[in-house]
């Protein structure tokens, strides 16, 4: 019975040993593809004679395209503040 005592003590002493620190791995930031593409700006009409309504629609379309791209850029800046800085 005596030879089993040192073996039992050796096994129990390893339970008190400090655990190995967890491995920390840094993964690269992967941005969603949708944030990396902006809406296309509308094409200019072929005619240079535009009505006020056509000009207004064109301006609204440009504003929408800009808003889409600006919102994507803001999201990228929130995910990676070092890339864009503060506005």
PDB file of N, CA and C in Angstrom:
ATOM      1  N   UNK A   1       0.818  -1.183   0.000  1.00  0.00           N
ATOM      2  CA  UNK A   1       0.000   0.000   0.000  1.00  0.00           C
ATOM      3  C   UNK A   1       0.862   1.247   0.000  1.00  0.00           C
ATOM      4  N   UNK A   2       2.037   1.133   0.569  1.00  0.00           N
ATOM      5  CA  UNK A   2       2.928   2.277   0.672  1.00  0.00           C
ATOM      6  C   UNK A   2       3.395   2.797  -0.680  1.00  0.00           C
ATOM      7  N   UNK A   3       3.689   1.954  -1.687  1.00  0.00           N
ATOM      8  CA  UNK A   3       4.114   2.491  -2.982  1.00  0.00           C
ATOM      9  C   UNK A   3       3.012   3.275  -3.676  1.00  0.00           C
ATOM     10  N   UNK A   4       1.772   3.032  -3.381  1.00  0.00           N
ATOM     11  CA  UNK A   4       0.678   3.760  -4.023  1.00  0.00           C
ATOM     12  C   UNK A   4       0.548   5.177  -3.473  1.00  0.00           C
ATOM     13  N   UNK A   5       1.020   5.403  -2.252  1.00  0.00           N
ATOM     14  CA  UNK A   5       0.901   6.726  -1.643  1.00  0.00           C
ATOM     15  C   UNK A   5       1.680   7.794  -2.416  1.00  0.00           C
ATOM     16  N   UNK A   6       2.946   7.566  -2.790  1.00  0.00           N
ATOM     17  CA  UNK A   6       3.655   8.597  -3.564  1.00  0.00           C
ATOM     18  C   UNK A   6       2.993   8.846  -4.926  1.00  0.00           C
ATOM     19  N   UNK A   7       2.487   7.825  -5.556  1.00  0.00           N
ATOM     20  CA  UNK A   7       1.811   7.992  -6.842  1.00  0.00           C
ATOM     21  C   UNK A   7       0.545   8.820  -6.681  1.00  0.00           C
ATOM     22  N   UNK A   8      -0.210   8.549  -5.616  1.00  0.00           N
ATOM     23  CA  UNK A   8      -1.431   9.298  -5.351  1.00  0.00           C
ATOM     24  C   UNK A   8      -1.097  10.753  -5.050  1.00  0.00           C
ATOM     25  N   UNK A   9      -0.053  11.006  -4.291  1.00  0.00           N
ATOM     26  CA  UNK A   9       0.350  12.384  -3.971  1.00  0.00           C
ATOM     27  C   UNK A   9       0.797  13.115  -5.232  1.00  0.00           C
ATOM     28  N   UNK A  10       1.497  12.433  -6.104  1.00  0.00           N
ATOM     29  CA  UNK A  10       1.961  13.053  -7.352  1.00  0.00           C
ATOM     30  C   UNK A  10       0.782  13.427  -8.237  1.00  0.00           C
ATOM     31  N   UNK A  11      -0.212  12.583  -8.297  1.00  0.00           N
ATOM     32  CA  UNK A  11      -1.382  12.862  -9.116  1.00  0.00           C
ATOM     33  C   UNK A  11      -2.186  14.028  -8.550  1.00  0.00           C
ATOM     34  N   UNK A  12      -2.320  14.069  -7.242  1.00  0.00           N
ATOM     35  CA  UNK A  12      -3.087  15.146  -6.627  1.00  0.00           C
ATOM     36  C   UNK A  12      -2.357  16.486  -6.701  1.00  0.00           C
ATOM     37  N   UNK A  13      -1.045  16.480  -6.681  1.00  0.00           N
ATOM     38  CA  UNK A  13      -0.298  17.736  -6.715  1.00  0.00           C
ATOM     39  C   UNK A  13      -0.392  18.397  -8.095  1.00  0.00           C
ATOM     40  N   UNK A  14      -0.610  17.635  -9.145  1.00  0.00           N
ATOM     41  CA  UNK A  14      -0.751  18.237 -10.476  1.00  0.00           C
ATOM     42  C   UNK A  14      -2.081  18.963 -10.611  1.00  0.00           C
ATOM     43  N   UNK A  15      -3.056  18.613  -9.793  1.00  0.00           N
ATOM     44  CA  UNK A  15      -4.348  19.293  -9.851  1.00  0.00           C
ATOM     45  C   UNK A  15      -4.222  20.723  -9.345  1.00  0.00           C
ATOM     46  N   UNK A  16      -3.241  21.014  -8.527  1.00  0.00           N
ATOM     47  CA  UNK A  16      -3.053  22.357  -7.992  1.00  0.00           C
ATOM     48  C   UNK A  16      -2.113  23.193  -8.849  1.00  0.00           C
ATOM     49  N   UNK A  17      -1.530  22.587  -9.845  1.00  0.00           N
ATOM     50  CA  UNK A  17      -0.590  23.324 -10.707  1.00  0.00           C
ATOM     51  C   UNK A  17      -1.346  24.385 -11.488  1.00  0.00           C
ATOM     52  N   UNK A  18      -0.710  25.526 -11.746  1.00  0.00           N
ATOM     53  CA  UNK A  18      -1.398  26.576 -12.512  1.00  0.00           C
ATOM     54  C   UNK A  18      -1.672  26.107 -13.938  1.00  0.00           C
ATOM     55  N   UNK A  19      -2.831  26.478 -14.418  1.00  0.00           N
ATOM     56  CA  UNK A  19      -3.207  26.092 -15.779  1.00  0.00           C
ATOM     57  C   UNK A  19      -2.413  26.937 -16.778  1.00  0.00           C
ATOM     58  N   UNK A  20      -2.193  26.387 -17.936  1.00  0.00           N
ATOM     59  CA  UNK A  20      -1.499  27.132 -18.984  1.00  0.00           C
ATOM     60  C   UNK A  20      -2.378  28.300 -19.418  1.00  0.00           C
ATOM     61  N   UNK A  21      -1.786  29.465 -19.671  1.00  0.00           N
ATOM     62  CA  UNK A  21      -2.605  30.611 -20.097  1.00  0.00           C
ATOM     63  C   UNK A  21      -3.267  30.325 -21.443  1.00  0.00           C
ATOM     64  N   UNK A  22      -4.462  30.858 -21.641  1.00  0.00           N
ATOM     65  CA  UNK A  22      -5.139  30.592 -22.920  1.00  0.00           C
ATOM     66  C   UNK A  22      -4.391  31.267 -24.070  1.00  0.00           C
ATOM     67  N   UNK A  23      -4.461  30.636 -25.190  1.00  0.00           N
ATOM     68  CA  UNK A  23      -3.823  31.186 -26.387  1.00  0.00           C
ATOM     69  C   UNK A  23      -4.707  32.312 -26.937  1.00  0.00           C
ATOM     70  N   UNK A  24      -4.099  33.436 -27.211  1.00  0.00           N
ATOM     71  CA  UNK A  24      -4.824  34.572 -27.770  1.00  0.00           C
ATOM     72  C   UNK A  24      -4.396  34.735 -29.217  1.00  0.00           C
ATOM     73  N   UNK A  25      -5.366  34.660 -30.101  1.00  0.00           N
ATOM     74  CA  UNK A  25      -5.077  34.832 -31.526  1.00  0.00           C
ATOM     75  C   UNK A  25      -5.878  36.019 -32.036  1.00  0.00           C
ATOM     76  N   UNK A  26      -5.216  36.919 -32.718  1.00  0.00           N
ATOM     77  CA  UNK A  26      -5.885  38.073 -33.310  1.00  0.00           C
ATOM     78  C   UNK A  26      -6.289  37.720 -34.735  1.00  0.00           C
ATOM     79  N   UNK A  27      -7.529  37.956 -35.047  1.00  0.00           N
ATOM     80  CA  UNK A  27      -8.034  37.678 -36.384  1.00  0.00           C
ATOM     81  C   UNK A  27      -8.215  38.990 -37.128  1.00  0.00           C
ATOM     82  N   UNK A  28      -7.928  39.011 -38.417  1.00  0.00           N
ATOM     83  CA  UNK A  28      -8.122  40.253 -39.173  1.00  0.00           C
ATOM     84  C   UNK A  28      -9.599  40.618 -39.250  1.00  0.00           C
ATOM     85  N   UNK A  29      -9.858  41.915 -39.264  1.00  0.00           N
ATOM     86  CA  UNK A  29     -11.222  42.406 -39.369  1.00  0.00           C
ATOM     87  C   UNK A  29     -11.735  42.145 -40.772  1.00  0.00           C
ATOM     88  N   UNK A  30     -12.865  41.502 -40.863  1.00  0.00           N
ATOM     89  CA  UNK A  30     -13.479  41.211 -42.168  1.00  0.00           C
ATOM     90  C   UNK A  30     -14.742  42.036 -42.271  1.00  0.00           C
ATOM     91  N   UNK A  31     -14.720  43.027 -43.145  1.00  0.00           N
ATOM     92  CA  UNK A  31     -15.884  43.881 -43.331  1.00  0.00           C
ATOM     93  C   UNK A  31     -16.864  43.225 -44.291  1.00  0.00           C
ATOM     94  N   UNK A  32     -18.148  43.375 -44.043  1.00  0.00           N
ATOM     95  CA  UNK A  32     -19.141  42.832 -44.978  1.00  0.00           C
ATOM     96  C   UNK A  32     -19.000  43.507 -46.341  1.00  0.00           C
ATOM     97  N   UNK A  33     -19.133  42.724 -47.393  1.00  0.00           N
ATOM     98  CA  UNK A  33     -19.003  43.263 -48.753  1.00  0.00           C
ATOM     99  C   UNK A  33     -19.988  44.393 -49.015  1.00  0.00           C
ATOM    100  N   UNK A  34     -21.162  44.342 -48.396  1.00  0.00           N
ATOM    101  CA  UNK A  34     -22.168  45.377 -48.627  1.00  0.00           C
ATOM    102  C   UNK A  34     -21.689  46.750 -48.165  1.00  0.00           C
ATOM    103  N   UNK A  35     -20.779  46.791 -47.182  1.00  0.00           N
ATOM    104  CA  UNK A  35     -20.268  48.073 -46.712  1.00  0.00           C
ATOM    105  C   UNK A  35     -19.176  48.630 -47.616  1.00  0.00           C
ATOM    106  N   UNK A  36     -18.672  47.815 -48.523  1.00  0.00           N
ATOM    107  CA  UNK A  36     -17.559  48.244 -49.373  1.00  0.00           C
ATOM    108  C   UNK A  36     -18.008  48.680 -50.756  1.00  0.00           C
ATOM    109  N   UNK A  37     -19.309  48.716 -50.997  1.00  0.00           N
ATOM    110  CA  UNK A  37     -19.841  49.089 -52.305  1.00  0.00           C
ATOM    111  C   UNK A  37     -20.891  50.179 -52.111  1.00  0.00           C
ATOM    112  N   UNK A  38     -20.783  51.226 -52.902  1.00  0.00           N
ATOM    113  CA  UNK A  38     -21.763  52.310 -52.840  1.00  0.00           C
ATOM    114  C   UNK A  38     -22.738  52.207 -54.003  1.00  0.00           C
ATOM    115  N   UNK A  39     -23.913  52.781 -53.803  1.00  0.00           N
ATOM    116  CA  UNK A  39     -24.896  52.823 -54.888  1.00  0.00           C
ATOM    117  C   UNK A  39     -24.335  53.662 -56.039  1.00  0.00           C
ATOM    118  N   UNK A  40     -24.680  53.269 -57.235  1.00  0.00           N
ATOM    119  CA  UNK A  40     -24.219  53.997 -58.414  1.00  0.00           C
ATOM    120  C   UNK A  40     -24.871  55.372 -58.472  1.00  0.00           C
ATOM    121  N   UNK A  41     -24.090  56.352 -58.885  1.00  0.00           N
ATOM    122  CA  UNK A  41     -24.660  57.685 -59.128  1.00  0.00           C
ATOM    123  C   UNK A  41     -25.504  57.595 -60.397  1.00  0.00           C
ATOM    124  N   UNK A  42     -26.608  58.304 -60.452  1.00  0.00           N
ATOM    125  CA  UNK A  42     -27.460  58.227 -61.641  1.00  0.00           C
ATOM    126  C   UNK A  42     -26.755  58.834 -62.857  1.00  0.00           C
ATOM    127  N   UNK A  43     -27.075  58.282 -64.003  1.00  0.00           N
ATOM    128  CA  UNK A  43     -26.486  58.792 -65.251  1.00  0.00           C
ATOM    129  C   UNK A  43     -27.161  60.106 -65.615  1.00  0.00           C
ATOM    130  N   UNK A  44     -26.382  60.970 -66.211  1.00  0.00           N
ATOM    131  CA  UNK A  44     -26.942  62.234 -66.686  1.00  0.00           C
ATOM    132  C   UNK A  44     -27.785  61.983 -67.926  1.00  0.00           C
ATOM    133  N   UNK A  45     -28.896  62.681 -68.064  1.00  0.00           N
ATOM    134  CA  UNK A  45     -29.719  62.506 -69.268  1.00  0.00           C
ATOM    135  C   UNK A  45     -28.953  62.958 -70.516  1.00  0.00           C
ATOM    136  N   UNK A  46     -29.293  62.348 -71.628  1.00  0.00           N
ATOM    137  CA  UNK A  46     -28.622  62.690 -72.886  1.00  0.00           C
ATOM    138  C   UNK A  46     -28.991  64.106 -73.339  1.00  0.00           C
ATOM    139  N   UNK A  47     -30.160  64.548 -73.005  1.00  0.00           N
ATOM    140  CA  UNK A  47     -30.628  65.871 -73.428  1.00  0.00           C
ATOM    141  C   UNK A  47     -30.124  66.931 -72.461  1.00  0.00           C
ATOM    142  N   UNK A  48     -29.794  68.098 -73.014  1.00  0.00           N
ATOM    143  CA  UNK A  48     -29.405  69.197 -72.148  1.00  0.00           C
ATOM    144  C   UNK A  48     -30.582  70.132 -71.870  1.00  0.00           C
ATOM    145  N   UNK A  49     -31.739  69.770 -72.351  1.00  0.00           N
ATOM    146  CA  UNK A  49     -32.968  70.523 -72.083  1.00  0.00           C
ATOM    147  C   UNK A  49     -33.793  69.740 -71.064  1.00  0.00           C
ATOM    148  N   UNK A  50     -33.630  70.077 -69.799  1.00  0.00           N
ATOM    149  CA  UNK A  50     -34.324  69.361 -68.734  1.00  0.00           C
ATOM    150  C   UNK A  50     -35.400  70.243 -68.114  1.00  0.00           C
ATOM    151  N   UNK A  51     -36.465  69.609 -67.729  1.00  0.00           N
ATOM    152  CA  UNK A  51     -37.506  70.344 -67.019  1.00  0.00           C
ATOM    153  C   UNK A  51     -37.075  70.477 -65.555  1.00  0.00           C
ATOM    154  N   UNK A  52     -37.748  71.345 -64.815  1.00  0.00           N
ATOM    155  CA  UNK A  52     -37.434  71.497 -63.401  1.00  0.00           C
ATOM    156  C   UNK A  52     -37.707  70.204 -62.636  1.00  0.00           C
ATOM    157  N   UNK A  53     -38.726  69.482 -63.045  1.00  0.00           N
ATOM    158  CA  UNK A  53     -39.036  68.208 -62.412  1.00  0.00           C
ATOM    159  C   UNK A  53     -37.931  67.190 -62.635  1.00  0.00           C
ATOM    160  N   UNK A  54     -37.370  67.135 -63.847  1.00  0.00           N
ATOM    161  CA  UNK A  54     -36.283  66.204 -64.145  1.00  0.00           C
ATOM    162  C   UNK A  54     -35.031  66.567 -63.348  1.00  0.00           C
ATOM    163  N   UNK A  55     -34.761  67.868 -63.225  1.00  0.00           N
ATOM    164  CA  UNK A  55     -33.612  68.305 -62.441  1.00  0.00           C
ATOM    165  C   UNK A  55     -33.810  67.924 -60.976  1.00  0.00           C
ATOM    166  N   UNK A  56     -35.020  68.124 -60.465  1.00  0.00           N
ATOM    167  CA  UNK A  56     -35.306  67.773 -59.074  1.00  0.00           C
ATOM    168  C   UNK A  56     -35.133  66.268 -58.843  1.00  0.00           C
ATOM    169  N   UNK A  57     -35.645  65.441 -59.768  1.00  0.00           N
ATOM    170  CA  UNK A  57     -35.486  63.988 -59.645  1.00  0.00           C
ATOM    171  C   UNK A  57     -34.014  63.593 -59.690  1.00  0.00           C
ATOM    172  N   UNK A  58     -33.241  64.236 -60.546  1.00  0.00           N
ATOM    173  CA  UNK A  58     -31.812  63.937 -60.655  1.00  0.00           C
ATOM    174  C   UNK A  58     -31.090  64.310 -59.357  1.00  0.00           C
ATOM    175  N   UNK A  59     -31.426  65.467 -58.803  1.00  0.00           N
ATOM    176  CA  UNK A  59     -30.808  65.879 -57.544  1.00  0.00           C
ATOM    177  C   UNK A  59     -31.172  64.930 -56.409  1.00  0.00           C
ATOM    178  N   UNK A  60     -32.417  64.475 -56.358  1.00  0.00           N
ATOM    179  CA  UNK A  60     -32.824  63.516 -55.325  1.00  0.00           C
ATOM    180  C   UNK A  60     -32.088  62.180 -55.483  1.00  0.00           C
ATOM    181  N   UNK A  61     -31.896  61.752 -56.732  1.00  0.00           N
ATOM    182  CA  UNK A  61     -31.179  60.499 -56.980  1.00  0.00           C
ATOM    183  C   UNK A  61     -29.708  60.627 -56.561  1.00  0.00           C
ATOM    184  N   UNK A  62     -29.088  61.769 -56.850  1.00  0.00           N
ATOM    185  CA  UNK A  62     -27.703  61.988 -56.422  1.00  0.00           C
ATOM    186  C   UNK A  62     -27.610  62.029 -54.894  1.00  0.00           C
ATOM    187  N   UNK A  63     -28.586  62.671 -54.256  1.00  0.00           N
ATOM    188  CA  UNK A  63     -28.583  62.739 -52.807  1.00  0.00           C
ATOM    189  C   UNK A  63     -28.733  61.344 -52.195  1.00  0.00           C
ATOM    190  N   UNK A  64     -29.571  60.509 -52.789  1.00  0.00           N
ATOM    191  CA  UNK A  64     -29.754  59.141 -52.291  1.00  0.00           C
ATOM    192  C   UNK A  64     -28.472  58.325 -52.450  1.00  0.00           C
ATOM    193  N   UNK A  65     -27.793  58.473 -53.589  1.00  0.00           N
ATOM    194  CA  UNK A  65     -26.535  57.746 -53.811  1.00  0.00           C
ATOM    195  C   UNK A  65     -25.477  58.202 -52.806  1.00  0.00           C
ATOM    196  N   UNK A  66     -25.407  59.504 -52.565  1.00  0.00           N
ATOM    197  CA  UNK A  66     -24.453  60.018 -51.593  1.00  0.00           C
ATOM    198  C   UNK A  66     -24.789  59.513 -50.192  1.00  0.00           C
ATOM    199  N   UNK A  67     -26.056  59.528 -49.829  1.00  0.00           N
ATOM    200  CA  UNK A  67     -26.469  59.049 -48.509  1.00  0.00           C
ATOM    201  C   UNK A  67     -26.131  57.588 -48.302  1.00  0.00           C
ATOM    202  N   UNK A  68     -26.297  56.777 -49.344  1.00  0.00           N
ATOM    203  CA  UNK A  68     -25.961  55.355 -49.264  1.00  0.00           C
ATOM    204  C   UNK A  68     -24.471  55.184 -48.992  1.00  0.00           C
ATOM    205  N   UNK A  69     -23.656  55.887 -49.748  1.00  0.00           N
ATOM    206  CA  UNK A  69     -22.207  55.753 -49.597  1.00  0.00           C
ATOM    207  C   UNK A  69     -21.747  56.318 -48.252  1.00  0.00           C
ATOM    208  N   UNK A  70     -22.327  57.434 -47.844  1.00  0.00           N
ATOM    209  CA  UNK A  70     -21.946  58.033 -46.567  1.00  0.00           C
ATOM    210  C   UNK A  70     -22.307  57.121 -45.399  1.00  0.00           C
ATOM    211  N   UNK A  71     -23.448  56.432 -45.476  1.00  0.00           N
ATOM    212  CA  UNK A  71     -23.830  55.528 -44.386  1.00  0.00           C
ATOM    213  C   UNK A  71     -22.897  54.322 -44.330  1.00  0.00           C
ATOM    214  N   UNK A  72     -22.472  53.819 -45.475  1.00  0.00           N
ATOM    215  CA  UNK A  72     -21.514  52.704 -45.496  1.00  0.00           C
ATOM    216  C   UNK A  72     -20.175  53.143 -44.903  1.00  0.00           C
ATOM    217  N   UNK A  73     -19.714  54.324 -45.281  1.00  0.00           N
ATOM    218  CA  UNK A  73     -18.447  54.823 -44.762  1.00  0.00           C
ATOM    219  C   UNK A  73     -18.524  55.032 -43.251  1.00  0.00           C
ATOM    220  N   UNK A  74     -19.641  55.528 -42.767  1.00  0.00           N
ATOM    221  CA  UNK A  74     -19.809  55.712 -41.322  1.00  0.00           C
ATOM    222  C   UNK A  74     -19.762  54.372 -40.591  1.00  0.00           C
ATOM    223  N   UNK A  75     -20.357  53.344 -41.171  1.00  0.00           N
ATOM    224  CA  UNK A  75     -20.333  52.015 -40.556  1.00  0.00           C
ATOM    225  C   UNK A  75     -18.916  51.465 -40.516  1.00  0.00           C
ATOM    226  N   UNK A  76     -18.159  51.671 -41.588  1.00  0.00           N
ATOM    227  CA  UNK A  76     -16.766  51.211 -41.625  1.00  0.00           C
ATOM    228  C   UNK A  76     -15.953  51.953 -40.567  1.00  0.00           C
ATOM    229  N   UNK A  77     -16.194  53.241 -40.422  1.00  0.00           N
ATOM    230  CA  UNK A  77     -15.462  54.011 -39.411  1.00  0.00           C
ATOM    231  C   UNK A  77     -15.808  53.544 -37.998  1.00  0.00           C
ATOM    232  N   UNK A  78     -17.058  53.159 -37.762  1.00  0.00           N
ATOM    233  CA  UNK A  78     -17.424  52.646 -36.439  1.00  0.00           C
ATOM    234  C   UNK A  78     -16.721  51.324 -36.165  1.00  0.00           C
ATOM    235  N   UNK A  79     -16.578  50.483 -37.180  1.00  0.00           N
ATOM    236  CA  UNK A  79     -15.913  49.190 -37.006  1.00  0.00           C
ATOM    237  C   UNK A  79     -14.407  49.335 -36.848  1.00  0.00           C
ATOM    238  N   UNK A  80     -13.837  50.347 -37.484  1.00  0.00           N
ATOM    239  CA  UNK A  80     -12.389  50.535 -37.479  1.00  0.00           C
ATOM    240  C   UNK A  80     -12.083  52.015 -37.326  1.00  0.00           C
ATOM    241  N   UNK A  81     -12.138  52.548 -36.101  1.00  0.00           N
ATOM    242  CA  UNK A  81     -11.950  53.982 -35.904  1.00  0.00           C
ATOM    243  C   UNK A  81     -10.598  54.493 -36.405  1.00  0.00           C
ATOM    244  N   UNK A  82      -9.569  53.648 -36.423  1.00  0.00           N
ATOM    245  CA  UNK A  82      -8.250  54.096 -36.873  1.00  0.00           C
ATOM    246  C   UNK A  82      -8.229  54.382 -38.364  1.00  0.00           C
ATOM    247  N   UNK A  83      -9.174  53.834 -39.124  1.00  0.00           N
ATOM    248  CA  UNK A  83      -9.173  54.004 -40.580  1.00  0.00           C
ATOM    249  C   UNK A  83      -9.704  55.354 -41.011  1.00  0.00           C
ATOM    250  N   UNK A  84     -10.634  55.932 -40.254  1.00  0.00           N
ATOM    251  CA  UNK A  84     -11.263  57.138 -40.758  1.00  0.00           C
ATOM    252  C   UNK A  84     -11.183  58.334 -39.842  1.00  0.00           C
ATOM    253  N   UNK A  85     -10.851  58.141 -38.607  1.00  0.00           N
ATOM    254  CA  UNK A  85     -10.801  59.261 -37.679  1.00  0.00           C
ATOM    255  C   UNK A  85     -12.177  59.804 -37.383  1.00  0.00           C
ATOM    256  N   UNK A  86     -12.210  60.885 -36.685  1.00  0.00           N
ATOM    257  CA  UNK A  86     -13.465  61.521 -36.314  1.00  0.00           C
ATOM    258  C   UNK A  86     -13.902  62.482 -37.403  1.00  0.00           C
ATOM    259  N   UNK A  87     -15.188  62.682 -37.528  1.00  0.00           N
ATOM    260  CA  UNK A  87     -15.707  63.636 -38.491  1.00  0.00           C
ATOM    261  C   UNK A  87     -15.881  64.974 -37.842  1.00  0.00           C
TER     262      UNK A  87
END
